[in-house]
Amino acid sequence: EVKHMQNFTNLFLGNAYKVIKEQINRARHILRNNLLQFRSREPNDRTPLVVTYSSQMKPLTRILNDLQPILDKNTALSKALDRRPMLAYRQPPTSSKY
């Protein structure tokens, strides 16, 4: 396990990344039982905006952030979408589906 992490670090990251090595060492010192304990989360009430992924698509996250103030100013829209929608991409259909 340790050798695998060292090989991974050397292969992909090289020896010059001190921050990466520090974080790997920090993660190694966390007890497994602590990682497996259930943690309660706050419920997610954001509206999902699901779009089919395309490499030609403009950066929707930036567009959503830029246009959110317009939604916030309109009282009807701000009630419907009180927070910025959560952007999710779905995989486009493969050629075998045609």
PDB file of N, CA and C in Angstrom:
ATOM      1  N   GLU A   1       0.830  -1.199   0.000  1.00  0.00           N
ATOM      2  CA  GLU A   1       0.000   0.000   0.000  1.00  0.00           C
ATOM      3  C   GLU A   1       0.870   1.257   0.000  1.00  0.00           C
ATOM      4  N   VAL A   2       1.840   1.302   0.898  1.00  0.00           N
ATOM      5  CA  VAL A   2       2.723   2.465   0.975  1.00  0.00           C
ATOM      6  C   VAL A   2       3.576   2.549  -0.282  1.00  0.00           C
ATOM      7  N   LYS A   3       4.061   1.402  -0.751  1.00  0.00           N
ATOM      8  CA  LYS A   3       4.886   1.388  -1.959  1.00  0.00           C
ATOM      9  C   LYS A   3       4.072   1.852  -3.161  1.00  0.00           C
ATOM     10  N   HIS A   4       2.813   1.422  -3.216  1.00  0.00           N
ATOM     11  CA  HIS A   4       1.939   1.845  -4.313  1.00  0.00           C
ATOM     12  C   HIS A   4       1.758   3.361  -4.310  1.00  0.00           C
ATOM     13  N   MET A   5       1.554   3.941  -3.130  1.00  0.00           N
ATOM     14  CA  MET A   5       1.403   5.397  -3.043  1.00  0.00           C
ATOM     15  C   MET A   5       2.693   6.104  -3.436  1.00  0.00           C
ATOM     16  N   GLN A   6       3.826   5.554  -3.044  1.00  0.00           N
ATOM     17  CA  GLN A   6       5.100   6.165  -3.416  1.00  0.00           C
ATOM     18  C   GLN A   6       5.315   6.098  -4.927  1.00  0.00           C
ATOM     19  N   ASN A   7       4.980   4.942  -5.526  1.00  0.00           N
ATOM     20  CA  ASN A   7       5.103   4.815  -6.981  1.00  0.00           C
ATOM     21  C   ASN A   7       4.182   5.793  -7.690  1.00  0.00           C
ATOM     22  N   PHE A   8       2.972   5.908  -7.190  1.00  0.00           N
ATOM     23  CA  PHE A   8       2.006   6.838  -7.772  1.00  0.00           C
ATOM     24  C   PHE A   8       2.525   8.268  -7.686  1.00  0.00           C
ATOM     25  N   THR A   9       3.023   8.624  -6.527  1.00  0.00           N
ATOM     26  CA  THR A   9       3.546   9.980  -6.337  1.00  0.00           C
ATOM     27  C   THR A   9       4.713  10.247  -7.276  1.00  0.00           C
ATOM     28  N   ASN A  10       5.633   9.312  -7.355  1.00  0.00           N
ATOM     29  CA  ASN A  10       6.810   9.504  -8.210  1.00  0.00           C
ATOM     30  C   ASN A  10       6.451   9.508  -9.688  1.00  0.00           C
ATOM     31  N   LEU A  11       5.527   8.640 -10.077  1.00  0.00           N
ATOM     32  CA  LEU A  11       5.172   8.526 -11.487  1.00  0.00           C
ATOM     33  C   LEU A  11       4.438   9.754 -11.999  1.00  0.00           C
ATOM     34  N   PHE A  12       3.397  10.182 -11.299  1.00  0.00           N
ATOM     35  CA  PHE A  12       2.535  11.250 -11.795  1.00  0.00           C
ATOM     36  C   PHE A  12       2.913  12.640 -11.303  1.00  0.00           C
ATOM     37  N   LEU A  13       3.468  12.724 -10.137  1.00  0.00           N
ATOM     38  CA  LEU A  13       3.660  14.033  -9.545  1.00  0.00           C
ATOM     39  C   LEU A  13       5.117  14.446  -9.411  1.00  0.00           C
ATOM     40  N   GLY A  14       6.033  13.505  -9.470  1.00  0.00           N
ATOM     41  CA  GLY A  14       7.443  13.834  -9.332  1.00  0.00           C
ATOM     42  C   GLY A  14       7.799  14.135  -7.890  1.00  0.00           C
ATOM     43  N   ASN A  15       9.035  14.470  -7.664  1.00  0.00           N
ATOM     44  CA  ASN A  15       9.515  14.726  -6.310  1.00  0.00           C
ATOM     45  C   ASN A  15       9.451  16.189  -5.914  1.00  0.00           C
ATOM     46  N   ALA A  16       9.050  17.062  -6.806  1.00  0.00           N
ATOM     47  CA  ALA A  16       9.088  18.498  -6.531  1.00  0.00           C
ATOM     48  C   ALA A  16       7.842  19.016  -5.818  1.00  0.00           C
ATOM     49  N   TYR A  17       6.801  18.211  -5.686  1.00  0.00           N
ATOM     50  CA  TYR A  17       5.539  18.694  -5.131  1.00  0.00           C
ATOM     51  C   TYR A  17       5.460  18.383  -3.641  1.00  0.00           C
ATOM     52  N   LYS A  18       5.989  19.261  -2.823  1.00  0.00           N
ATOM     53  CA  LYS A  18       6.026  19.072  -1.375  1.00  0.00           C
ATOM     54  C   LYS A  18       4.609  19.031  -0.792  1.00  0.00           C
ATOM     55  N   VAL A  19       3.713  19.857  -1.301  1.00  0.00           N
ATOM     56  CA  VAL A  19       2.343  19.914  -0.783  1.00  0.00           C
ATOM     57  C   VAL A  19       1.633  18.580  -0.989  1.00  0.00           C
ATOM     58  N   ILE A  20       1.831  17.952  -2.148  1.00  0.00           N
ATOM     59  CA  ILE A  20       1.195  16.664  -2.424  1.00  0.00           C
ATOM     60  C   ILE A  20       1.684  15.615  -1.434  1.00  0.00           C
ATOM     61  N   LYS A  21       2.968  15.573  -1.206  1.00  0.00           N
ATOM     62  CA  LYS A  21       3.520  14.592  -0.265  1.00  0.00           C
ATOM     63  C   LYS A  21       2.987  14.819   1.147  1.00  0.00           C
ATOM     64  N   GLU A  22       2.878  16.070   1.552  1.00  0.00           N
ATOM     65  CA  GLU A  22       2.355  16.374   2.886  1.00  0.00           C
ATOM     66  C   GLU A  22       0.918  15.894   3.023  1.00  0.00           C
ATOM     67  N   GLN A  23       0.104  16.081   1.998  1.00  0.00           N
ATOM     68  CA  GLN A  23      -1.296  15.675   2.073  1.00  0.00           C
ATOM     69  C   GLN A  23      -1.435  14.153   2.048  1.00  0.00           C
ATOM     70  N   ILE A  24      -0.587  13.472   1.290  1.00  0.00           N
ATOM     71  CA  ILE A  24      -0.613  12.008   1.292  1.00  0.00           C
ATOM     72  C   ILE A  24      -0.234  11.488   2.670  1.00  0.00           C
ATOM     73  N   ASN A  25       0.781  12.064   3.283  1.00  0.00           N
ATOM     74  CA  ASN A  25       1.165  11.653   4.642  1.00  0.00           C
ATOM     75  C   ASN A  25       0.064  11.958   5.643  1.00  0.00           C
ATOM     76  N   ARG A  26      -0.591  13.084   5.483  1.00  0.00           N
ATOM     77  CA  ARG A  26      -1.700  13.435   6.375  1.00  0.00           C
ATOM     78  C   ARG A  26      -2.834  12.417   6.245  1.00  0.00           C
ATOM     79  N   ALA A  27      -3.145  12.010   5.017  1.00  0.00           N
ATOM     80  CA  ALA A  27      -4.215  11.036   4.792  1.00  0.00           C
ATOM     81  C   ALA A  27      -3.837   9.666   5.346  1.00  0.00           C
ATOM     82  N   ARG A  28      -2.572   9.302   5.278  1.00  0.00           N
ATOM     83  CA  ARG A  28      -2.132   8.004   5.787  1.00  0.00           C
ATOM     84  C   ARG A  28      -2.278   7.902   7.294  1.00  0.00           C
ATOM     85  N   HIS A  29      -2.250   9.006   8.011  1.00  0.00           N
ATOM     86  CA  HIS A  29      -2.315   8.987   9.470  1.00  0.00           C
ATOM     87  C   HIS A  29      -3.749   8.983  10.006  1.00  0.00           C
ATOM     88  N   ILE A  30      -4.730   9.070   9.143  1.00  0.00           N
ATOM     89  CA  ILE A  30      -6.124   9.027   9.584  1.00  0.00           C
ATOM     90  C   ILE A  30      -6.519   7.566   9.774  1.00  0.00           C
ATOM     91  N   LEU A  31      -7.099   7.260  10.919  1.00  0.00           N
ATOM     92  CA  LEU A  31      -7.497   5.886  11.212  1.00  0.00           C
ATOM     93  C   LEU A  31      -8.653   5.458  10.318  1.00  0.00           C
ATOM     94  N   ARG A  32      -8.600   4.220   9.874  1.00  0.00           N
ATOM     95  CA  ARG A  32      -9.620   3.679   8.973  1.00  0.00           C
ATOM     96  C   ARG A  32     -11.003   3.704   9.623  1.00  0.00           C
ATOM     97  N   ASN A  33     -11.084   3.387  10.911  1.00  0.00           N
ATOM     98  CA  ASN A  33     -12.377   3.381  11.606  1.00  0.00           C
ATOM     99  C   ASN A  33     -13.016   4.765  11.614  1.00  0.00           C
ATOM    100  N   ASN A  34     -12.196   5.803  11.710  1.00  0.00           N
ATOM    101  CA  ASN A  34     -12.741   7.162  11.667  1.00  0.00           C
ATOM    102  C   ASN A  34     -13.303   7.487  10.295  1.00  0.00           C
ATOM    103  N   LEU A  35     -12.680   6.956   9.252  1.00  0.00           N
ATOM    104  CA  LEU A  35     -13.162   7.215   7.898  1.00  0.00           C
ATOM    105  C   LEU A  35     -14.465   6.479   7.600  1.00  0.00           C
ATOM    106  N   LEU A  36     -14.670   5.336   8.257  1.00  0.00           N
ATOM    107  CA  LEU A  36     -15.854   4.523   7.984  1.00  0.00           C
ATOM    108  C   LEU A  36     -17.068   4.922   8.816  1.00  0.00           C
ATOM    109  N   GLN A  37     -16.915   5.860   9.739  1.00  0.00           N
ATOM    110  CA  GLN A  37     -18.049   6.289  10.555  1.00  0.00           C
ATOM    111  C   GLN A  37     -19.016   7.112   9.717  1.00  0.00           C
ATOM    112  N   PHE A  38     -20.315   6.894   9.958  1.00  0.00           N
ATOM    113  CA  PHE A  38     -21.346   7.629   9.234  1.00  0.00           C
ATOM    114  C   PHE A  38     -21.368   9.077   9.703  1.00  0.00           C
ATOM    115  N   ARG A  39     -21.452   9.971   8.756  1.00  0.00           N
ATOM    116  CA  ARG A  39     -21.568  11.399   9.062  1.00  0.00           C
ATOM    117  C   ARG A  39     -22.874  11.904   8.481  1.00  0.00           C
ATOM    118  N   SER A  40     -23.631  12.581   9.302  1.00  0.00           N
ATOM    119  CA  SER A  40     -24.894  13.126   8.805  1.00  0.00           C
ATOM    120  C   SER A  40     -24.614  14.363   7.964  1.00  0.00           C
ATOM    121  N   ARG A  41     -25.402  14.530   6.930  1.00  0.00           N
ATOM    122  CA  ARG A  41     -25.249  15.671   6.029  1.00  0.00           C
ATOM    123  C   ARG A  41     -26.513  16.501   6.037  1.00  0.00           C
ATOM    124  N   GLU A  42     -26.330  17.755   5.677  1.00  0.00           N
ATOM    125  CA  GLU A  42     -27.496  18.610   5.517  1.00  0.00           C
ATOM    126  C   GLU A  42     -28.225  18.194   4.245  1.00  0.00           C
ATOM    127  N   PRO A  43     -29.553  18.223   4.257  1.00  0.00           N
ATOM    128  CA  PRO A  43     -30.271  17.857   3.031  1.00  0.00           C
ATOM    129  C   PRO A  43     -29.999  18.872   1.925  1.00  0.00           C
ATOM    130  N   ASN A  44     -29.889  18.375   0.715  1.00  0.00           N
ATOM    131  CA  ASN A  44     -29.617  19.224  -0.433  1.00  0.00           C
ATOM    132  C   ASN A  44     -30.947  19.599  -1.080  1.00  0.00           C
ATOM    133  N   ASP A  45     -31.318  20.874  -0.994  1.00  0.00           N
ATOM    134  CA  ASP A  45     -32.597  21.314  -1.548  1.00  0.00           C
ATOM    135  C   ASP A  45     -32.424  22.147  -2.817  1.00  0.00           C
ATOM    136  N   ARG A  46     -31.236  22.116  -3.398  1.00  0.00           N
ATOM    137  CA  ARG A  46     -31.007  22.864  -4.629  1.00  0.00           C
ATOM    138  C   ARG A  46     -31.647  22.146  -5.809  1.00  0.00           C
ATOM    139  N   THR A  47     -32.168  22.916  -6.744  1.00  0.00           N
ATOM    140  CA  THR A  47     -32.798  22.365  -7.934  1.00  0.00           C
ATOM    141  C   THR A  47     -31.715  21.887  -8.898  1.00  0.00           C
ATOM    142  N   PRO A  48     -31.803  20.626  -9.364  1.00  0.00           N
ATOM    143  CA  PRO A  48     -30.788  20.163 -10.313  1.00  0.00           C
ATOM    144  C   PRO A  48     -31.095  20.647 -11.731  1.00  0.00           C
ATOM    145  N   LEU A  49     -30.076  21.086 -12.424  1.00  0.00           N
ATOM    146  CA  LEU A  49     -30.169  21.439 -13.835  1.00  0.00           C
ATOM    147  C   LEU A  49     -29.329  20.409 -14.572  1.00  0.00           C
ATOM    148  N   VAL A  50     -29.996  19.443 -15.208  1.00  0.00           N
ATOM    149  CA  VAL A  50     -29.308  18.333 -15.858  1.00  0.00           C
ATOM    150  C   VAL A  50     -29.232  18.605 -17.349  1.00  0.00           C
ATOM    151  N   VAL A  51     -28.018  18.584 -17.886  1.00  0.00           N
ATOM    152  CA  VAL A  51     -27.803  18.805 -19.316  1.00  0.00           C
ATOM    153  C   VAL A  51     -26.923  17.685 -19.853  1.00  0.00           C
ATOM    154  N   THR A  52     -27.096  17.379 -21.132  1.00  0.00           N
ATOM    155  CA  THR A  52     -26.255  16.384 -21.782  1.00  0.00           C
ATOM    156  C   THR A  52     -24.895  16.997 -22.067  1.00  0.00           C
ATOM    157  N   TYR A  53     -23.851  16.295 -21.698  1.00  0.00           N
ATOM    158  CA  TYR A  53     -22.498  16.828 -21.853  1.00  0.00           C
ATOM    159  C   TYR A  53     -22.120  16.931 -23.327  1.00  0.00           C
ATOM    160  N   SER A  54     -21.479  18.032 -23.666  1.00  0.00           N
ATOM    161  CA  SER A  54     -20.905  18.236 -24.989  1.00  0.00           C
ATOM    162  C   SER A  54     -19.640  19.065 -24.815  1.00  0.00           C
ATOM    163  N   SER A  55     -18.581  18.677 -25.493  1.00  0.00           N
ATOM    164  CA  SER A  55     -17.327  19.419 -25.382  1.00  0.00           C
ATOM    165  C   SER A  55     -17.438  20.795 -26.028  1.00  0.00           C
ATOM    166  N   GLN A  56     -18.439  20.995 -26.875  1.00  0.00           N
ATOM    167  CA  GLN A  56     -18.627  22.274 -27.556  1.00  0.00           C
ATOM    168  C   GLN A  56     -19.484  23.243 -26.747  1.00  0.00           C
ATOM    169  N   MET A  57     -20.006  22.779 -25.622  1.00  0.00           N
ATOM    170  CA  MET A  57     -20.884  23.609 -24.810  1.00  0.00           C
ATOM    171  C   MET A  57     -20.092  24.707 -24.101  1.00  0.00           C
ATOM    172  N   LYS A  58     -20.689  25.870 -24.005  1.00  0.00           N
ATOM    173  CA  LYS A  58     -20.054  26.973 -23.287  1.00  0.00           C
ATOM    174  C   LYS A  58     -20.053  26.654 -21.792  1.00  0.00           C
ATOM    175  N   PRO A  59     -19.196  27.297 -21.026  1.00  0.00           N
ATOM    176  CA  PRO A  59     -19.119  27.005 -19.584  1.00  0.00           C
ATOM    177  C   PRO A  59     -20.388  27.443 -18.848  1.00  0.00           C
ATOM    178  N   LEU A  60     -21.257  26.489 -18.588  1.00  0.00           N
ATOM    179  CA  LEU A  60     -22.552  26.801 -17.980  1.00  0.00           C
ATOM    180  C   LEU A  60     -22.428  27.302 -16.549  1.00  0.00           C
ATOM    181  N   THR A  61     -21.447  26.846 -15.823  1.00  0.00           N
ATOM    182  CA  THR A  61     -21.293  27.298 -14.440  1.00  0.00           C
ATOM    183  C   THR A  61     -21.101  28.805 -14.395  1.00  0.00           C
ATOM    184  N   ARG A  62     -20.253  29.314 -15.266  1.00  0.00           N
ATOM    185  CA  ARG A  62     -20.014  30.758 -15.302  1.00  0.00           C
ATOM    186  C   ARG A  62     -21.279  31.507 -15.729  1.00  0.00           C
ATOM    187  N   ILE A  63     -21.992  30.960 -16.695  1.00  0.00           N
ATOM    188  CA  ILE A  63     -23.228  31.599 -17.157  1.00  0.00           C
ATOM    189  C   ILE A  63     -24.257  31.635 -16.033  1.00  0.00           C
ATOM    190  N   LEU A  64     -24.400  30.529 -15.299  1.00  0.00           N
ATOM    191  CA  LEU A  64     -25.344  30.495 -14.175  1.00  0.00           C
ATOM    192  C   LEU A  64     -24.970  31.514 -13.110  1.00  0.00           C
ATOM    193  N   ASN A  65     -23.695  31.621 -12.817  1.00  0.00           N
ATOM    194  CA  ASN A  65     -23.245  32.596 -11.816  1.00  0.00           C
ATOM    195  C   ASN A  65     -23.492  34.022 -12.279  1.00  0.00           C
ATOM    196  N   ASP A  66     -23.268  34.286 -13.569  1.00  0.00           N
ATOM    197  CA  ASP A  66     -23.465  35.638 -14.099  1.00  0.00           C
ATOM    198  C   ASP A  66     -24.934  36.041 -14.123  1.00  0.00           C
ATOM    199  N   LEU A  67     -25.833  35.087 -14.389  1.00  0.00           N
ATOM    200  CA  LEU A  67     -27.250  35.410 -14.537  1.00  0.00           C
ATOM    201  C   LEU A  67     -28.062  35.251 -13.257  1.00  0.00           C
ATOM    202  N   GLN A  68     -27.470  34.721 -12.206  1.00  0.00           N
ATOM    203  CA  GLN A  68     -28.190  34.540 -10.948  1.00  0.00           C
ATOM    204  C   GLN A  68     -28.755  35.846 -10.386  1.00  0.00           C
ATOM    205  N   PRO A  69     -28.059  36.983 -10.473  1.00  0.00           N
ATOM    206  CA  PRO A  69     -28.643  38.232  -9.965  1.00  0.00           C
ATOM    207  C   PRO A  69     -29.957  38.618 -10.650  1.00  0.00           C
ATOM    208  N   ILE A  70     -30.120  38.258 -11.913  1.00  0.00           N
ATOM    209  CA  ILE A  70     -31.382  38.539 -12.613  1.00  0.00           C
ATOM    210  C   ILE A  70     -32.508  37.735 -11.982  1.00  0.00           C
ATOM    211  N   LEU A  71     -32.243  36.475 -11.666  1.00  0.00           N
ATOM    212  CA  LEU A  71     -33.261  35.642 -11.016  1.00  0.00           C
ATOM    213  C   LEU A  71     -33.569  36.148  -9.613  1.00  0.00           C
ATOM    214  N   ASP A  72     -32.565  36.642  -8.928  1.00  0.00           N
ATOM    215  CA  ASP A  72     -32.763  37.126  -7.563  1.00  0.00           C
ATOM    216  C   ASP A  72     -33.609  38.396  -7.517  1.00  0.00           C
ATOM    217  N   LYS A  73     -33.523  39.229  -8.548  1.00  0.00           N
ATOM    218  CA  LYS A  73     -34.291  40.480  -8.577  1.00  0.00           C
ATOM    219  C   LYS A  73     -35.774  40.245  -8.805  1.00  0.00           C
ATOM    220  N   ASN A  74     -36.130  39.223  -9.568  1.00  0.00           N
ATOM    221  CA  ASN A  74     -37.524  38.921  -9.868  1.00  0.00           C
ATOM    222  C   ASN A  74     -38.112  38.130  -8.701  1.00  0.00           C
ATOM    223  N   THR A  75     -39.177  38.646  -8.080  1.00  0.00           N
ATOM    224  CA  THR A  75     -39.725  38.004  -6.878  1.00  0.00           C
ATOM    225  C   THR A  75     -40.310  36.630  -7.174  1.00  0.00           C
ATOM    226  N   ALA A  76     -41.001  36.479  -8.307  1.00  0.00           N
ATOM    227  CA  ALA A  76     -41.597  35.182  -8.634  1.00  0.00           C
ATOM    228  C   ALA A  76     -40.514  34.136  -8.893  1.00  0.00           C
ATOM    229  N   LEU A  77     -39.481  34.523  -9.628  1.00  0.00           N
ATOM    230  CA  LEU A  77     -38.405  33.581  -9.921  1.00  0.00           C
ATOM    231  C   LEU A  77     -37.558  33.286  -8.691  1.00  0.00           C
ATOM    232  N   SER A  78     -37.372  34.277  -7.844  1.00  0.00           N
ATOM    233  CA  SER A  78     -36.553  34.041  -6.654  1.00  0.00           C
ATOM    234  C   SER A  78     -37.249  33.098  -5.678  1.00  0.00           C
ATOM    235  N   LYS A  79     -38.590  33.071  -5.690  1.00  0.00           N
ATOM    236  CA  LYS A  79     -39.306  32.106  -4.848  1.00  0.00           C
ATOM    237  C   LYS A  79     -39.165  30.695  -5.408  1.00  0.00           C
ATOM    238  N   ALA A  80     -39.220  30.575  -6.736  1.00  0.00           N
ATOM    239  CA  ALA A  80     -39.116  29.257  -7.358  1.00  0.00           C
ATOM    240  C   ALA A  80     -37.689  28.711  -7.271  1.00  0.00           C
ATOM    241  N   LEU A  81     -36.720  29.569  -7.515  1.00  0.00           N
ATOM    242  CA  LEU A  81     -35.311  29.171  -7.466  1.00  0.00           C
ATOM    243  C   LEU A  81     -34.598  30.051  -6.450  1.00  0.00           C
ATOM    244  N   ASP A  82     -34.742  29.713  -5.177  1.00  0.00           N
ATOM    245  CA  ASP A  82     -34.158  30.560  -4.143  1.00  0.00           C
ATOM    246  C   ASP A  82     -32.634  30.486  -4.114  1.00  0.00           C
ATOM    247  N   ARG A  83     -32.073  29.407  -4.626  1.00  0.00           N
ATOM    248  CA  ARG A  83     -30.617  29.261  -4.700  1.00  0.00           C
ATOM    249  C   ARG A  83     -30.221  28.880  -6.119  1.00  0.00           C
ATOM    250  N   ARG A  84     -28.954  29.093  -6.429  1.00  0.00           N
ATOM    251  CA  ARG A  84     -28.455  28.759  -7.763  1.00  0.00           C
ATOM    252  C   ARG A  84     -28.638  27.264  -8.013  1.00  0.00           C
ATOM    253  N   PRO A  85     -29.115  26.871  -9.196  1.00  0.00           N
ATOM    254  CA  PRO A  85     -29.304  25.444  -9.476  1.00  0.00           C
ATOM    255  C   PRO A  85     -27.984  24.675  -9.448  1.00  0.00           C
ATOM    256  N   MET A  86     -28.094  23.403  -9.120  1.00  0.00           N
ATOM    257  CA  MET A  86     -26.935  22.524  -9.106  1.00  0.00           C
ATOM    258  C   MET A  86     -26.778  21.949 -10.513  1.00  0.00           C
ATOM    259  N   LEU A  87     -25.658  22.207 -11.137  1.00  0.00           N
ATOM    260  CA  LEU A  87     -25.418  21.776 -12.507  1.00  0.00           C
ATOM    261  C   LEU A  87     -24.933  20.335 -12.516  1.00  0.00           C
ATOM    262  N   ALA A  88     -25.590  19.497 -13.322  1.00  0.00           N
ATOM    263  CA  ALA A  88     -25.195  18.097 -13.453  1.00  0.00           C
ATOM    264  C   ALA A  88     -25.177  17.744 -14.932  1.00  0.00           C
ATOM    265  N   TYR A  89     -24.157  17.020 -15.328  1.00  0.00           N
ATOM    266  CA  TYR A  89     -24.028  16.600 -16.718  1.00  0.00           C
ATOM    267  C   TYR A  89     -24.381  15.125 -16.828  1.00  0.00           C
ATOM    268  N   ARG A  90     -25.138  14.785 -17.859  1.00  0.00           N
ATOM    269  CA  ARG A  90     -25.385  13.376 -18.125  1.00  0.00           C
ATOM    270  C   ARG A  90     -24.589  12.989 -19.364  1.00  0.00           C
ATOM    271  N   GLN A  91     -24.295  11.714 -19.443  1.00  0.00           N
ATOM    272  CA  GLN A  91     -23.481  11.217 -20.541  1.00  0.00           C
ATOM    273  C   GLN A  91     -24.301  11.221 -21.828  1.00  0.00           C
ATOM    274  N   PRO A  92     -23.724  11.677 -22.932  1.00  0.00           N
ATOM    275  CA  PRO A  92     -24.465  11.652 -24.191  1.00  0.00           C
ATOM    276  C   PRO A  92     -24.671  10.217 -24.654  1.00  0.00           C
ATOM    277  N   PRO A  93     -25.692   9.986 -25.468  1.00  0.00           N
ATOM    278  CA  PRO A  93     -25.915   8.624 -25.952  1.00  0.00           C
ATOM    279  C   PRO A  93     -24.738   8.147 -26.809  1.00  0.00           C
ATOM    280  N   THR A  94     -24.434   6.877 -26.690  1.00  0.00           N
ATOM    281  CA  THR A  94     -23.337   6.315 -27.474  1.00  0.00           C
ATOM    282  C   THR A  94     -23.827   5.950 -28.862  1.00  0.00           C
ATOM    283  N   SER A  95     -22.910   5.703 -29.758  1.00  0.00           N
ATOM    284  CA  SER A  95     -23.290   5.373 -31.135  1.00  0.00           C
ATOM    285  C   SER A  95     -23.988   4.024 -31.220  1.00  0.00           C
ATOM    286  N   SER A  96     -23.822   3.159 -30.224  1.00  0.00           N
ATOM    287  CA  SER A  96     -24.476   1.850 -30.254  1.00  0.00           C
ATOM    288  C   SER A  96     -25.978   1.952 -30.020  1.00  0.00           C
ATOM    289  N   LYS A  97     -26.452   3.090 -29.513  1.00  0.00           N
ATOM    290  CA  LYS A  97     -27.885   3.258 -29.266  1.00  0.00           C
ATOM    291  C   LYS A  97     -28.652   3.630 -30.527  1.00  0.00           C
ATOM    292  N   TYR A  98     -27.951   3.954 -31.601  1.00  0.00           N
ATOM    293  CA  TYR A  98     -28.640   4.384 -32.822  1.00  0.00           C
ATOM    294  C   TYR A  98     -28.912   3.249 -33.746  1.00  0.00           C
TER     295      TYR A  98
END
